[in-house]
Amino acid sequence: MSKRSYQLVGIFLGATVVIAGAALYLYLDESAREKVEGALNREKAKYFIRNKLNGSPALVNAVDKLSDAEITTLVKLSDSATDAKDAAVDSLSDFIDRAKAAGNQVSDKVADYFK
């Protein structure tokens, strides 16, 4: 292998070791894990407010002033709202399918009647 190839392998191995070390640190250190989870939940809450609720920038910025417990509640709310929306869409889709099937049965019976 050339010197360039060894350098690329070294960079790749170094990056892998750094990523594995960071993951191990987050796995073992409870407070670091809580901080990362808090930051992720905060970003999820901002996304929910910005994109799902069409919130203003001031409302999105207000998320930074909420406590971690309030953020967790907001994220749970967004997850349950998403679940409720999915359930409603599934129910509506089932209803439409049943209505189409019933309509087809009626049209078949009418067609048979006039034959």
N, C-alpha and C. Protein backbone atom coordinates (compact mmCIF):
# COMPACT_ATOMS: atom_id res chain seq x y z
N MET A 1 0.84 -1.19 0.00
CA MET A 1 0.00 0.00 0.00
C MET A 1 0.88 1.24 0.00
N SER A 2 0.31 2.30 -0.53
CA SER A 2 1.06 3.54 -0.61
C SER A 2 0.95 4.29 0.72
N LYS A 3 1.76 5.31 0.84
CA LYS A 3 1.75 6.13 2.06
C LYS A 3 0.38 6.80 2.24
N ARG A 4 -0.23 7.20 1.14
CA ARG A 4 -1.55 7.85 1.16
C ARG A 4 -2.61 6.87 1.70
N SER A 5 -2.53 5.62 1.28
CA SER A 5 -3.48 4.61 1.74
C SER A 5 -3.35 4.40 3.24
N TYR A 6 -2.11 4.35 3.75
CA TYR A 6 -1.89 4.18 5.18
C TYR A 6 -2.45 5.38 5.96
N GLN A 7 -2.31 6.56 5.39
CA GLN A 7 -2.85 7.76 6.04
C GLN A 7 -4.38 7.69 6.11
N LEU A 8 -5.00 7.28 5.03
CA LEU A 8 -6.46 7.17 5.02
C LEU A 8 -6.96 6.12 6.00
N VAL A 9 -6.25 4.99 6.07
CA VAL A 9 -6.62 3.94 7.03
C VAL A 9 -6.44 4.47 8.45
N GLY A 10 -5.39 5.19 8.69
CA GLY A 10 -5.14 5.77 10.02
C GLY A 10 -6.22 6.76 10.41
N ILE A 11 -6.61 7.61 9.48
CA ILE A 11 -7.67 8.59 9.75
C ILE A 11 -8.98 7.87 10.04
N PHE A 12 -9.30 6.85 9.25
CA PHE A 12 -10.52 6.09 9.45
C PHE A 12 -10.53 5.40 10.81
N LEU A 13 -9.42 4.76 11.17
CA LEU A 13 -9.33 4.09 12.47
C LEU A 13 -9.40 5.09 13.61
N GLY A 14 -8.76 6.22 13.45
CA GLY A 14 -8.80 7.26 14.48
C GLY A 14 -10.22 7.77 14.70
N ALA A 15 -10.93 8.03 13.60
CA ALA A 15 -12.31 8.50 13.71
C ALA A 15 -13.19 7.44 14.36
N THR A 16 -12.97 6.19 14.02
CA THR A 16 -13.74 5.09 14.61
C THR A 16 -13.50 5.01 16.12
N VAL A 17 -12.25 5.16 16.54
CA VAL A 17 -11.91 5.10 17.96
C VAL A 17 -12.55 6.28 18.70
N VAL A 18 -12.54 7.45 18.11
CA VAL A 18 -13.15 8.63 18.74
C VAL A 18 -14.65 8.44 18.89
N ILE A 19 -15.30 7.95 17.85
CA ILE A 19 -16.75 7.74 17.90
C ILE A 19 -17.09 6.67 18.93
N ALA A 20 -16.34 5.59 18.94
CA ALA A 20 -16.59 4.52 19.91
C ALA A 20 -16.36 5.01 21.33
N GLY A 21 -15.33 5.82 21.52
CA GLY A 21 -15.06 6.37 22.85
C GLY A 21 -16.16 7.29 23.32
N ALA A 22 -16.67 8.14 22.43
CA ALA A 22 -17.76 9.04 22.78
C ALA A 22 -19.03 8.25 23.11
N ALA A 23 -19.30 7.21 22.33
CA ALA A 23 -20.48 6.39 22.60
C ALA A 23 -20.35 5.67 23.93
N LEU A 24 -19.17 5.16 24.24
CA LEU A 24 -18.94 4.49 25.52
C LEU A 24 -19.08 5.46 26.68
N TYR A 25 -18.56 6.66 26.51
CA TYR A 25 -18.67 7.69 27.55
C TYR A 25 -20.14 8.02 27.82
N LEU A 26 -20.90 8.21 26.76
CA LEU A 26 -22.31 8.53 26.92
C LEU A 26 -23.08 7.36 27.54
N TYR A 27 -22.65 6.14 27.22
CA TYR A 27 -23.31 4.97 27.78
C TYR A 27 -23.04 4.83 29.26
N LEU A 28 -21.82 5.14 29.66
CA LEU A 28 -21.43 4.93 31.06
C LEU A 28 -21.73 6.12 31.96
N ASP A 29 -21.71 7.33 31.43
CA ASP A 29 -21.91 8.52 32.25
C ASP A 29 -23.37 8.96 32.19
N GLU A 30 -24.09 8.77 33.29
CA GLU A 30 -25.53 9.06 33.35
C GLU A 30 -25.82 10.53 33.09
N SER A 31 -25.06 11.44 33.68
CA SER A 31 -25.35 12.88 33.51
C SER A 31 -25.10 13.32 32.07
N ALA A 32 -24.06 12.78 31.44
CA ALA A 32 -23.80 13.12 30.03
C ALA A 32 -24.93 12.60 29.15
N ARG A 33 -25.41 11.40 29.44
CA ARG A 33 -26.50 10.84 28.66
C ARG A 33 -27.78 11.67 28.83
N GLU A 34 -28.04 12.11 30.06
CA GLU A 34 -29.21 12.95 30.30
C GLU A 34 -29.11 14.28 29.57
N LYS A 35 -27.92 14.85 29.50
CA LYS A 35 -27.74 16.11 28.78
C LYS A 35 -27.99 15.92 27.28
N VAL A 36 -27.48 14.82 26.74
CA VAL A 36 -27.69 14.56 25.31
C VAL A 36 -29.17 14.30 25.04
N GLU A 37 -29.82 13.50 25.90
CA GLU A 37 -31.25 13.24 25.72
C GLU A 37 -32.05 14.52 25.85
N GLY A 38 -31.66 15.39 26.80
CA GLY A 38 -32.34 16.67 26.96
C GLY A 38 -32.20 17.54 25.73
N ALA A 39 -31.01 17.58 25.16
CA ALA A 39 -30.78 18.38 23.95
C ALA A 39 -31.58 17.82 22.77
N LEU A 40 -31.62 16.49 22.65
CA LEU A 40 -32.39 15.89 21.57
C LEU A 40 -33.88 16.15 21.75
N ASN A 41 -34.38 16.03 22.98
CA ASN A 41 -35.80 16.31 23.23
C ASN A 41 -36.12 17.77 22.95
N ARG A 42 -35.21 18.67 23.28
CA ARG A 42 -35.43 20.09 23.04
C ARG A 42 -35.54 20.35 21.53
N GLU A 43 -34.69 19.70 20.75
CA GLU A 43 -34.75 19.87 19.30
C GLU A 43 -36.02 19.25 18.73
N LYS A 44 -36.44 18.10 19.29
CA LYS A 44 -37.70 17.50 18.86
C LYS A 44 -38.87 18.43 19.13
N ALA A 45 -38.86 19.07 20.31
CA ALA A 45 -39.93 19.99 20.67
C ALA A 45 -39.94 21.19 19.72
N LYS A 46 -38.77 21.73 19.41
CA LYS A 46 -38.70 22.85 18.47
C LYS A 46 -39.22 22.45 17.10
N TYR A 47 -38.85 21.26 16.65
CA TYR A 47 -39.33 20.78 15.35
C TYR A 47 -40.85 20.65 15.36
N PHE A 48 -41.39 20.08 16.44
CA PHE A 48 -42.84 19.90 16.55
C PHE A 48 -43.55 21.24 16.49
N ILE A 49 -43.05 22.21 17.24
CA ILE A 49 -43.70 23.53 17.28
C ILE A 49 -43.56 24.24 15.95
N ARG A 50 -42.38 24.17 15.36
CA ARG A 50 -42.12 24.88 14.10
C ARG A 50 -42.90 24.27 12.93
N ASN A 51 -42.86 22.94 12.80
CA ASN A 51 -43.40 22.31 11.61
C ASN A 51 -44.80 21.76 11.75
N LYS A 52 -45.14 21.25 12.90
CA LYS A 52 -46.47 20.64 13.07
C LYS A 52 -47.50 21.65 13.54
N LEU A 53 -47.08 22.59 14.40
CA LEU A 53 -48.01 23.59 14.92
C LEU A 53 -47.90 24.92 14.19
N ASN A 54 -46.98 25.01 13.22
CA ASN A 54 -46.72 26.26 12.49
C ASN A 54 -46.47 27.41 13.45
N GLY A 55 -45.63 27.14 14.46
CA GLY A 55 -45.33 28.12 15.49
C GLY A 55 -44.43 29.23 14.99
N SER A 56 -44.58 30.38 15.60
CA SER A 56 -43.75 31.54 15.25
C SER A 56 -42.34 31.33 15.80
N PRO A 57 -41.36 32.07 15.28
CA PRO A 57 -40.00 31.98 15.80
C PRO A 57 -39.93 32.30 17.30
N ALA A 58 -40.77 33.21 17.76
CA ALA A 58 -40.76 33.54 19.19
C ALA A 58 -41.21 32.35 20.02
N LEU A 59 -42.18 31.62 19.53
CA LEU A 59 -42.66 30.43 20.23
C LEU A 59 -41.60 29.33 20.22
N VAL A 60 -40.92 29.18 19.11
CA VAL A 60 -39.84 28.19 19.01
C VAL A 60 -38.72 28.56 19.98
N ASN A 61 -38.38 29.85 20.06
CA ASN A 61 -37.33 30.29 20.97
C ASN A 61 -37.73 30.12 22.43
N ALA A 62 -39.03 30.16 22.71
CA ALA A 62 -39.50 29.99 24.08
C ALA A 62 -39.22 28.59 24.60
N VAL A 63 -39.00 27.63 23.72
CA VAL A 63 -38.68 26.27 24.13
C VAL A 63 -37.40 26.25 24.96
N ASP A 64 -36.46 27.13 24.63
CA ASP A 64 -35.20 27.18 25.37
C ASP A 64 -35.39 27.59 26.82
N LYS A 65 -36.50 28.22 27.14
CA LYS A 65 -36.75 28.69 28.50
C LYS A 65 -37.49 27.65 29.34
N LEU A 66 -37.94 26.55 28.71
CA LEU A 66 -38.66 25.52 29.43
C LEU A 66 -37.70 24.60 30.17
N SER A 67 -38.19 24.00 31.26
CA SER A 67 -37.38 23.04 32.01
C SER A 67 -37.34 21.71 31.26
N ASP A 68 -36.43 20.84 31.67
CA ASP A 68 -36.32 19.54 31.03
C ASP A 68 -37.61 18.73 31.21
N ALA A 69 -38.25 18.85 32.37
CA ALA A 69 -39.50 18.13 32.61
C ALA A 69 -40.59 18.63 31.67
N GLU A 70 -40.65 19.93 31.45
CA GLU A 70 -41.65 20.49 30.53
C GLU A 70 -41.37 20.06 29.10
N ILE A 71 -40.11 20.00 28.74
CA ILE A 71 -39.73 19.55 27.40
C ILE A 71 -40.13 18.09 27.20
N THR A 72 -39.87 17.27 28.21
CA THR A 72 -40.24 15.86 28.13
C THR A 72 -41.75 15.71 27.93
N THR A 73 -42.52 16.51 28.66
CA THR A 73 -43.98 16.48 28.52
C THR A 73 -44.39 16.90 27.11
N LEU A 74 -43.76 17.93 26.58
CA LEU A 74 -44.08 18.40 25.24
C LEU A 74 -43.75 17.34 24.19
N VAL A 75 -42.62 16.65 24.35
CA VAL A 75 -42.24 15.60 23.41
C VAL A 75 -43.23 14.44 23.48
N LYS A 76 -43.64 14.08 24.70
CA LYS A 76 -44.63 13.01 24.85
C LYS A 76 -45.95 13.42 24.18
N LEU A 77 -46.31 14.69 24.33
CA LEU A 77 -47.53 15.20 23.69
C LEU A 77 -47.43 15.10 22.18
N SER A 78 -46.28 15.48 21.64
CA SER A 78 -46.11 15.41 20.18
C SER A 78 -46.15 13.97 19.70
N ASP A 79 -45.55 13.05 20.47
CA ASP A 79 -45.59 11.64 20.08
C ASP A 79 -47.00 11.09 20.11
N SER A 80 -47.76 11.46 21.16
CA SER A 80 -49.14 10.95 21.24
C SER A 80 -50.02 11.59 20.17
N ALA A 81 -49.74 12.84 19.81
CA ALA A 81 -50.50 13.48 18.74
C ALA A 81 -50.23 12.79 17.41
N THR A 82 -48.99 12.42 17.19
CA THR A 82 -48.63 11.69 15.97
C THR A 82 -49.31 10.33 15.94
N ASP A 83 -49.31 9.64 17.09
CA ASP A 83 -49.96 8.33 17.16
C ASP A 83 -51.46 8.46 16.90
N ALA A 84 -52.08 9.50 17.48
CA ALA A 84 -53.52 9.71 17.28
C ALA A 84 -53.83 10.01 15.82
N LYS A 85 -52.97 10.81 15.19
CA LYS A 85 -53.17 11.13 13.77
C LYS A 85 -53.06 9.87 12.92
N ASP A 86 -52.06 9.04 13.22
CA ASP A 86 -51.89 7.79 12.46
C ASP A 86 -53.10 6.87 12.64
N ALA A 87 -53.61 6.79 13.87
CA ALA A 87 -54.78 5.95 14.12
C ALA A 87 -55.99 6.48 13.38
N ALA A 88 -56.15 7.81 13.35
CA ALA A 88 -57.29 8.40 12.65
C ALA A 88 -57.19 8.15 11.15
N VAL A 89 -56.00 8.29 10.60
CA VAL A 89 -55.81 8.04 9.17
C VAL A 89 -56.10 6.58 8.84
N ASP A 90 -55.64 5.66 9.70
CA ASP A 90 -55.91 4.24 9.47
C ASP A 90 -57.40 3.95 9.53
N SER A 91 -58.09 4.53 10.51
CA SER A 91 -59.54 4.32 10.64
C SER A 91 -60.29 4.87 9.43
N LEU A 92 -59.90 6.05 8.99
CA LEU A 92 -60.55 6.65 7.83
C LEU A 92 -60.30 5.81 6.58
N SER A 93 -59.09 5.32 6.44
CA SER A 93 -58.76 4.48 5.29
C SER A 93 -59.60 3.19 5.31
N ASP A 94 -59.74 2.58 6.49
CA ASP A 94 -60.57 1.37 6.60
C ASP A 94 -62.02 1.68 6.25
N PHE A 95 -62.53 2.81 6.72
CA PHE A 95 -63.91 3.21 6.44
C PHE A 95 -64.11 3.41 4.94
N ILE A 96 -63.17 4.06 4.29
CA ILE A 96 -63.26 4.29 2.84
C ILE A 96 -63.25 2.97 2.09
N ASP A 97 -62.37 2.06 2.52
CA ASP A 97 -62.31 0.75 1.86
C ASP A 97 -63.62 0.00 1.99
N ARG A 98 -64.21 0.04 3.20
CA ARG A 98 -65.49 -0.64 3.41
C ARG A 98 -66.61 0.01 2.60
N ALA A 99 -66.58 1.34 2.50
CA ALA A 99 -67.60 2.04 1.72
C ALA A 99 -67.48 1.69 0.23
N LYS A 100 -66.25 1.61 -0.26
CA LYS A 100 -66.04 1.23 -1.66
C LYS A 100 -66.55 -0.19 -1.91
N ALA A 101 -66.25 -1.09 -0.99
CA ALA A 101 -66.69 -2.49 -1.13
C ALA A 101 -68.21 -2.56 -1.13
N ALA A 102 -68.84 -1.82 -0.22
CA ALA A 102 -70.31 -1.82 -0.17
C ALA A 102 -70.89 -1.23 -1.45
N GLY A 103 -70.29 -0.17 -1.94
CA GLY A 103 -70.75 0.44 -3.20
C GLY A 103 -70.62 -0.51 -4.36
N ASN A 104 -69.53 -1.26 -4.40
CA ASN A 104 -69.34 -2.24 -5.47
C ASN A 104 -70.38 -3.35 -5.38
N GLN A 105 -70.69 -3.78 -4.17
CA GLN A 105 -71.70 -4.83 -4.00
C GLN A 105 -73.07 -4.34 -4.47
N VAL A 106 -73.40 -3.11 -4.11
CA VAL A 106 -74.69 -2.54 -4.53
C VAL A 106 -74.74 -2.43 -6.04
N SER A 107 -73.68 -1.93 -6.66
CA SER A 107 -73.70 -1.77 -8.12
C SER A 107 -73.76 -3.13 -8.81
N ASP A 108 -73.12 -4.16 -8.23
CA ASP A 108 -73.20 -5.50 -8.81
C ASP A 108 -74.63 -6.03 -8.72
N LYS A 109 -75.28 -5.82 -7.59
CA LYS A 109 -76.66 -6.30 -7.41
C LYS A 109 -77.62 -5.57 -8.36
N VAL A 110 -77.41 -4.27 -8.54
CA VAL A 110 -78.25 -3.52 -9.46
C VAL A 110 -78.03 -4.00 -10.88
N ALA A 111 -76.77 -4.25 -11.25
CA ALA A 111 -76.47 -4.74 -12.58
C ALA A 111 -77.09 -6.11 -12.80
N ASP A 112 -77.01 -6.96 -11.79
CA ASP A 112 -77.61 -8.31 -11.90
C ASP A 112 -79.12 -8.20 -12.02
N TYR A 113 -79.74 -7.26 -11.36
CA TYR A 113 -81.18 -7.10 -11.39
C TYR A 113 -81.66 -6.74 -12.79
N PHE A 114 -80.87 -5.88 -13.47
CA PHE A 114 -81.29 -5.42 -14.79
C PHE A 114 -80.86 -6.35 -15.92
N LYS A 115 -80.16 -7.42 -15.63
CA LYS A 115 -79.75 -8.36 -16.69
C LYS A 115 -80.85 -9.26 -17.06
